[in-house]
Amino acid sequence: MKFFLQAKFIKSVLSKKIICLTLPIFFSVLFAGNAFATTYYSKSTGNLDVLSNWGTNTDGTGTAPTSFTTTATYIIQNNLTPTIGAAWSVGTNSVTVGNGSAAVLQVL
């Protein structure tokens, strides 16, 4: 009986240690980088530097960003001739052209 209780105690202690060691790893992965960043997509027309020309839906509709400097990812798509009409600063955010693997970017 004594051996059984010791084994049960050791199992309990080990499981608590595993949980204590696993939780920090889980939360560091969860909160790493832009885990909570909103993704915005360009609309089919309009200047990219205008907040209302972005939306949370893949076609550019939906909620527009309130600022280009809040944590977000911006994907330029849906627009055959995207333009920037003024200085456009996105801070440390990510801007992706097309699907991120097959795009042609021409700077004039």
N, C-alpha and C. Protein backbone atom coordinates (compact mmCIF):
# COMPACT_ATOMS: atom_id res chain seq x y z
N MET A 1 0.82 -1.20 0.00
CA MET A 1 0.00 0.00 0.00
C MET A 1 0.87 1.27 0.00
N LYS A 2 1.97 1.21 0.80
CA LYS A 2 2.86 2.36 0.88
C LYS A 2 3.46 2.67 -0.49
N PHE A 3 3.88 1.65 -1.24
CA PHE A 3 4.44 1.83 -2.58
C PHE A 3 3.42 2.47 -3.51
N PHE A 4 2.17 2.03 -3.44
CA PHE A 4 1.10 2.57 -4.29
C PHE A 4 0.91 4.06 -4.02
N LEU A 5 0.88 4.45 -2.75
CA LEU A 5 0.69 5.86 -2.40
C LEU A 5 1.87 6.70 -2.87
N GLN A 6 3.11 6.15 -2.73
CA GLN A 6 4.28 6.88 -3.19
C GLN A 6 4.25 7.06 -4.71
N ALA A 7 3.87 6.00 -5.43
CA ALA A 7 3.79 6.08 -6.89
C ALA A 7 2.75 7.09 -7.30
N LYS A 8 1.61 7.11 -6.62
CA LYS A 8 0.54 8.06 -6.94
C LYS A 8 1.01 9.49 -6.68
N PHE A 9 1.73 9.70 -5.56
CA PHE A 9 2.26 11.01 -5.23
C PHE A 9 3.26 11.47 -6.28
N ILE A 10 4.17 10.60 -6.67
CA ILE A 10 5.18 10.94 -7.69
C ILE A 10 4.51 11.27 -9.01
N LYS A 11 3.49 10.50 -9.39
CA LYS A 11 2.76 10.77 -10.63
C LYS A 11 2.10 12.14 -10.57
N SER A 12 1.52 12.48 -9.42
CA SER A 12 0.87 13.77 -9.26
C SER A 12 1.88 14.91 -9.37
N VAL A 13 3.03 14.76 -8.71
CA VAL A 13 4.05 15.79 -8.75
C VAL A 13 4.60 15.96 -10.17
N LEU A 14 4.86 14.85 -10.86
CA LEU A 14 5.37 14.92 -12.23
C LEU A 14 4.38 15.59 -13.16
N SER A 15 3.10 15.28 -13.04
CA SER A 15 2.12 15.90 -13.93
C SER A 15 2.03 17.40 -13.69
N LYS A 16 2.16 17.82 -12.43
CA LYS A 16 2.15 19.26 -12.13
C LYS A 16 3.38 19.94 -12.71
N LYS A 17 4.54 19.26 -12.64
CA LYS A 17 5.76 19.84 -13.20
C LYS A 17 5.66 19.94 -14.72
N ILE A 18 5.08 18.93 -15.35
CA ILE A 18 4.92 18.96 -16.80
C ILE A 18 4.02 20.12 -17.20
N ILE A 19 2.94 20.31 -16.44
CA ILE A 19 2.02 21.43 -16.74
C ILE A 19 2.75 22.75 -16.55
N CYS A 20 3.52 22.86 -15.45
CA CYS A 20 4.25 24.11 -15.19
C CYS A 20 5.30 24.38 -16.25
N LEU A 21 5.90 23.35 -16.80
CA LEU A 21 6.90 23.54 -17.85
C LEU A 21 6.27 23.77 -19.21
N THR A 22 5.10 23.21 -19.43
CA THR A 22 4.44 23.31 -20.73
C THR A 22 3.71 24.65 -20.91
N LEU A 23 3.09 25.16 -19.87
CA LEU A 23 2.31 26.40 -19.99
C LEU A 23 3.14 27.58 -20.50
N PRO A 24 4.34 27.83 -19.97
CA PRO A 24 5.10 28.96 -20.52
C PRO A 24 5.42 28.80 -22.00
N ILE A 25 5.71 27.60 -22.43
CA ILE A 25 5.99 27.35 -23.85
C ILE A 25 4.73 27.63 -24.67
N PHE A 26 3.59 27.14 -24.20
CA PHE A 26 2.32 27.35 -24.90
C PHE A 26 2.02 28.84 -25.05
N PHE A 27 2.16 29.60 -23.96
CA PHE A 27 1.84 31.02 -24.03
C PHE A 27 2.86 31.80 -24.84
N SER A 28 4.12 31.39 -24.83
CA SER A 28 5.11 32.10 -25.65
C SER A 28 4.82 31.90 -27.13
N VAL A 29 4.36 30.72 -27.51
CA VAL A 29 3.98 30.48 -28.91
C VAL A 29 2.70 31.24 -29.24
N LEU A 30 1.75 31.22 -28.32
CA LEU A 30 0.46 31.89 -28.55
C LEU A 30 0.62 33.39 -28.74
N PHE A 31 1.47 34.00 -27.93
CA PHE A 31 1.60 35.45 -27.97
C PHE A 31 2.78 35.93 -28.81
N ALA A 32 3.46 35.05 -29.47
CA ALA A 32 4.64 35.42 -30.27
C ALA A 32 4.23 36.21 -31.50
N GLY A 33 5.10 37.13 -31.87
CA GLY A 33 4.91 37.88 -33.12
C GLY A 33 3.56 38.58 -33.18
N ASN A 34 2.85 38.41 -34.27
CA ASN A 34 1.56 39.05 -34.48
C ASN A 34 0.42 38.07 -34.27
N ALA A 35 0.46 37.35 -33.18
CA ALA A 35 -0.57 36.34 -32.93
C ALA A 35 -1.96 36.96 -32.92
N PHE A 36 -2.06 38.20 -32.50
CA PHE A 36 -3.35 38.85 -32.43
C PHE A 36 -3.50 39.94 -33.49
N ALA A 37 -2.64 39.94 -34.47
CA ALA A 37 -2.70 40.95 -35.52
C ALA A 37 -3.90 40.69 -36.43
N THR A 38 -4.57 41.74 -36.78
CA THR A 38 -5.68 41.65 -37.72
C THR A 38 -5.11 41.71 -39.13
N THR A 39 -5.70 40.95 -40.03
CA THR A 39 -5.28 40.99 -41.43
C THR A 39 -6.27 41.84 -42.21
N TYR A 40 -5.76 42.79 -42.97
CA TYR A 40 -6.59 43.65 -43.81
C TYR A 40 -6.23 43.42 -45.28
N TYR A 41 -7.24 43.48 -46.13
CA TYR A 41 -7.07 43.25 -47.57
C TYR A 41 -7.47 44.52 -48.30
N SER A 42 -6.74 44.83 -49.38
CA SER A 42 -7.05 46.02 -50.16
C SER A 42 -8.34 45.83 -50.95
N LYS A 43 -9.02 46.95 -51.17
CA LYS A 43 -10.22 46.91 -52.02
C LYS A 43 -9.79 46.95 -53.48
N SER A 44 -10.73 46.78 -54.39
CA SER A 44 -10.40 46.69 -55.81
C SER A 44 -10.04 48.03 -56.43
N THR A 45 -10.37 49.12 -55.78
CA THR A 45 -10.01 50.45 -56.29
C THR A 45 -9.58 51.33 -55.12
N GLY A 46 -8.91 52.40 -55.45
CA GLY A 46 -8.55 53.38 -54.43
C GLY A 46 -7.08 53.30 -54.03
N ASN A 47 -6.62 54.40 -53.45
CA ASN A 47 -5.24 54.48 -52.99
C ASN A 47 -5.01 53.63 -51.76
N LEU A 48 -3.85 53.00 -51.71
CA LEU A 48 -3.53 52.12 -50.59
C LEU A 48 -3.29 52.88 -49.30
N ASP A 49 -2.98 54.17 -49.37
CA ASP A 49 -2.70 54.96 -48.18
C ASP A 49 -3.97 55.47 -47.50
N VAL A 50 -5.14 55.09 -47.99
CA VAL A 50 -6.42 55.53 -47.42
C VAL A 50 -7.01 54.38 -46.59
N LEU A 51 -7.25 54.63 -45.32
CA LEU A 51 -7.72 53.59 -44.40
C LEU A 51 -9.01 52.91 -44.88
N SER A 52 -9.91 53.68 -45.45
CA SER A 52 -11.20 53.12 -45.86
C SER A 52 -11.10 52.20 -47.08
N ASN A 53 -9.92 52.13 -47.70
CA ASN A 53 -9.73 51.24 -48.84
C ASN A 53 -9.21 49.86 -48.43
N TRP A 54 -9.33 49.56 -47.15
CA TRP A 54 -8.91 48.27 -46.60
C TRP A 54 -10.05 47.68 -45.79
N GLY A 55 -10.11 46.37 -45.73
CA GLY A 55 -11.13 45.70 -44.93
C GLY A 55 -10.67 44.33 -44.47
N THR A 56 -11.36 43.78 -43.50
CA THR A 56 -10.98 42.49 -42.92
C THR A 56 -11.41 41.30 -43.75
N ASN A 57 -12.29 41.50 -44.73
CA ASN A 57 -12.69 40.40 -45.62
C ASN A 57 -11.74 40.35 -46.82
N THR A 58 -11.59 39.18 -47.42
CA THR A 58 -10.62 39.02 -48.51
C THR A 58 -10.92 39.90 -49.72
N ASP A 59 -12.15 40.38 -49.87
CA ASP A 59 -12.46 41.28 -50.99
C ASP A 59 -12.30 42.76 -50.62
N GLY A 60 -11.78 43.02 -49.42
CA GLY A 60 -11.54 44.40 -48.98
C GLY A 60 -12.70 45.02 -48.24
N THR A 61 -13.82 44.31 -48.15
CA THR A 61 -14.94 44.83 -47.37
C THR A 61 -14.73 44.45 -45.90
N GLY A 62 -15.64 44.88 -45.08
CA GLY A 62 -15.51 44.58 -43.65
C GLY A 62 -14.94 45.77 -42.90
N THR A 63 -14.49 45.52 -41.72
CA THR A 63 -13.98 46.57 -40.85
C THR A 63 -12.66 47.12 -41.37
N ALA A 64 -12.58 48.43 -41.49
CA ALA A 64 -11.35 49.09 -41.94
C ALA A 64 -10.44 49.33 -40.73
N PRO A 65 -9.14 49.40 -40.94
CA PRO A 65 -8.23 49.70 -39.82
C PRO A 65 -8.45 51.13 -39.33
N THR A 66 -8.14 51.37 -38.08
CA THR A 66 -8.25 52.73 -37.54
C THR A 66 -6.95 53.50 -37.69
N SER A 67 -5.87 52.77 -37.93
CA SER A 67 -4.54 53.37 -38.11
C SER A 67 -3.66 52.35 -38.82
N PHE A 68 -2.70 52.81 -39.58
CA PHE A 68 -1.76 51.90 -40.23
C PHE A 68 -0.64 51.47 -39.29
N THR A 69 -0.56 52.09 -38.12
CA THR A 69 0.53 51.76 -37.20
C THR A 69 0.13 50.78 -36.10
N THR A 70 -1.16 50.42 -35.99
CA THR A 70 -1.54 49.39 -35.04
C THR A 70 -1.13 48.04 -35.60
N THR A 71 -0.87 47.07 -34.76
CA THR A 71 -0.39 45.76 -35.18
C THR A 71 -1.37 45.13 -36.15
N ALA A 72 -0.89 44.89 -37.38
CA ALA A 72 -1.75 44.32 -38.43
C ALA A 72 -0.90 43.79 -39.57
N THR A 73 -1.54 43.03 -40.43
CA THR A 73 -0.93 42.57 -41.68
C THR A 73 -1.77 43.12 -42.82
N TYR A 74 -1.13 43.68 -43.82
CA TYR A 74 -1.84 44.26 -44.96
C TYR A 74 -1.50 43.46 -46.21
N ILE A 75 -2.53 43.00 -46.89
CA ILE A 75 -2.34 42.21 -48.11
C ILE A 75 -2.93 42.98 -49.28
N ILE A 76 -2.07 43.30 -50.24
CA ILE A 76 -2.51 44.03 -51.43
C ILE A 76 -2.96 42.99 -52.45
N GLN A 77 -4.24 42.96 -52.72
CA GLN A 77 -4.82 42.07 -53.72
C GLN A 77 -6.12 42.70 -54.20
N ASN A 78 -6.79 42.09 -55.12
CA ASN A 78 -8.07 42.59 -55.64
C ASN A 78 -7.93 43.85 -56.47
N ASN A 79 -6.77 44.43 -56.56
CA ASN A 79 -6.58 45.72 -57.20
C ASN A 79 -5.53 45.58 -58.30
N LEU A 80 -5.95 45.68 -59.55
CA LEU A 80 -5.02 45.51 -60.67
C LEU A 80 -4.03 46.66 -60.80
N THR A 81 -4.42 47.85 -60.34
CA THR A 81 -3.54 49.01 -60.44
C THR A 81 -3.49 49.74 -59.10
N PRO A 82 -2.92 49.13 -58.08
CA PRO A 82 -2.87 49.81 -56.78
C PRO A 82 -1.97 51.03 -56.83
N THR A 83 -2.39 52.09 -56.16
CA THR A 83 -1.62 53.33 -56.15
C THR A 83 -1.48 53.82 -54.71
N ILE A 84 -0.47 54.64 -54.51
CA ILE A 84 -0.27 55.30 -53.22
C ILE A 84 -0.26 56.79 -53.51
N GLY A 85 -1.23 57.51 -52.96
CA GLY A 85 -1.39 58.91 -53.28
C GLY A 85 -0.67 59.87 -52.35
N ALA A 86 -0.14 59.36 -51.24
CA ALA A 86 0.56 60.19 -50.27
C ALA A 86 1.56 59.31 -49.52
N ALA A 87 2.34 59.92 -48.65
CA ALA A 87 3.28 59.14 -47.85
C ALA A 87 2.50 58.08 -47.08
N TRP A 88 2.97 56.85 -47.14
CA TRP A 88 2.25 55.74 -46.50
C TRP A 88 3.20 55.00 -45.58
N SER A 89 2.97 55.13 -44.29
CA SER A 89 3.81 54.46 -43.31
C SER A 89 2.99 53.41 -42.58
N VAL A 90 3.49 52.19 -42.58
CA VAL A 90 2.78 51.11 -41.88
C VAL A 90 3.55 50.66 -40.63
N GLY A 91 4.47 51.46 -40.18
CA GLY A 91 5.22 51.13 -38.97
C GLY A 91 5.98 49.83 -39.15
N THR A 92 5.85 48.95 -38.19
CA THR A 92 6.55 47.66 -38.24
C THR A 92 5.64 46.55 -38.76
N ASN A 93 4.51 46.91 -39.33
CA ASN A 93 3.56 45.92 -39.83
C ASN A 93 4.04 45.28 -41.12
N SER A 94 3.39 44.20 -41.48
CA SER A 94 3.73 43.45 -42.68
C SER A 94 2.83 43.86 -43.84
N VAL A 95 3.44 44.05 -45.01
CA VAL A 95 2.68 44.31 -46.24
C VAL A 95 3.04 43.21 -47.23
N THR A 96 2.03 42.51 -47.72
CA THR A 96 2.22 41.43 -48.68
C THR A 96 1.57 41.81 -49.99
N VAL A 97 2.26 41.60 -51.10
CA VAL A 97 1.70 41.87 -52.42
C VAL A 97 1.22 40.55 -53.00
N GLY A 98 -0.04 40.49 -53.38
CA GLY A 98 -0.62 39.25 -53.92
C GLY A 98 -0.65 38.16 -52.88
N ASN A 99 -0.36 36.95 -53.31
CA ASN A 99 -0.39 35.83 -52.37
C ASN A 99 0.95 35.65 -51.66
N GLY A 100 1.87 36.54 -51.89
CA GLY A 100 3.16 36.49 -51.21
C GLY A 100 4.19 35.62 -51.90
N SER A 101 3.80 34.93 -52.99
CA SER A 101 4.77 34.07 -53.65
C SER A 101 4.90 34.35 -55.15
N ALA A 102 3.90 34.98 -55.75
CA ALA A 102 3.96 35.21 -57.19
C ALA A 102 3.36 36.57 -57.52
N ALA A 103 4.14 37.62 -57.29
CA ALA A 103 3.65 38.97 -57.56
C ALA A 103 4.70 39.74 -58.32
N VAL A 104 4.24 40.68 -59.10
CA VAL A 104 5.14 41.58 -59.84
C VAL A 104 4.91 42.96 -59.27
N LEU A 105 5.95 43.57 -58.77
CA LEU A 105 5.85 44.89 -58.18
C LEU A 105 6.66 45.86 -59.03
N GLN A 106 5.98 46.85 -59.60
CA GLN A 106 6.64 47.84 -60.43
C GLN A 106 6.58 49.17 -59.72
N VAL A 107 7.74 49.74 -59.44
CA VAL A 107 7.81 51.02 -58.78
C VAL A 107 8.18 52.07 -59.82
N LEU A 108 7.34 53.07 -59.95
CA LEU A 108 7.57 54.13 -60.93
C LEU A 108 8.10 55.38 -60.29
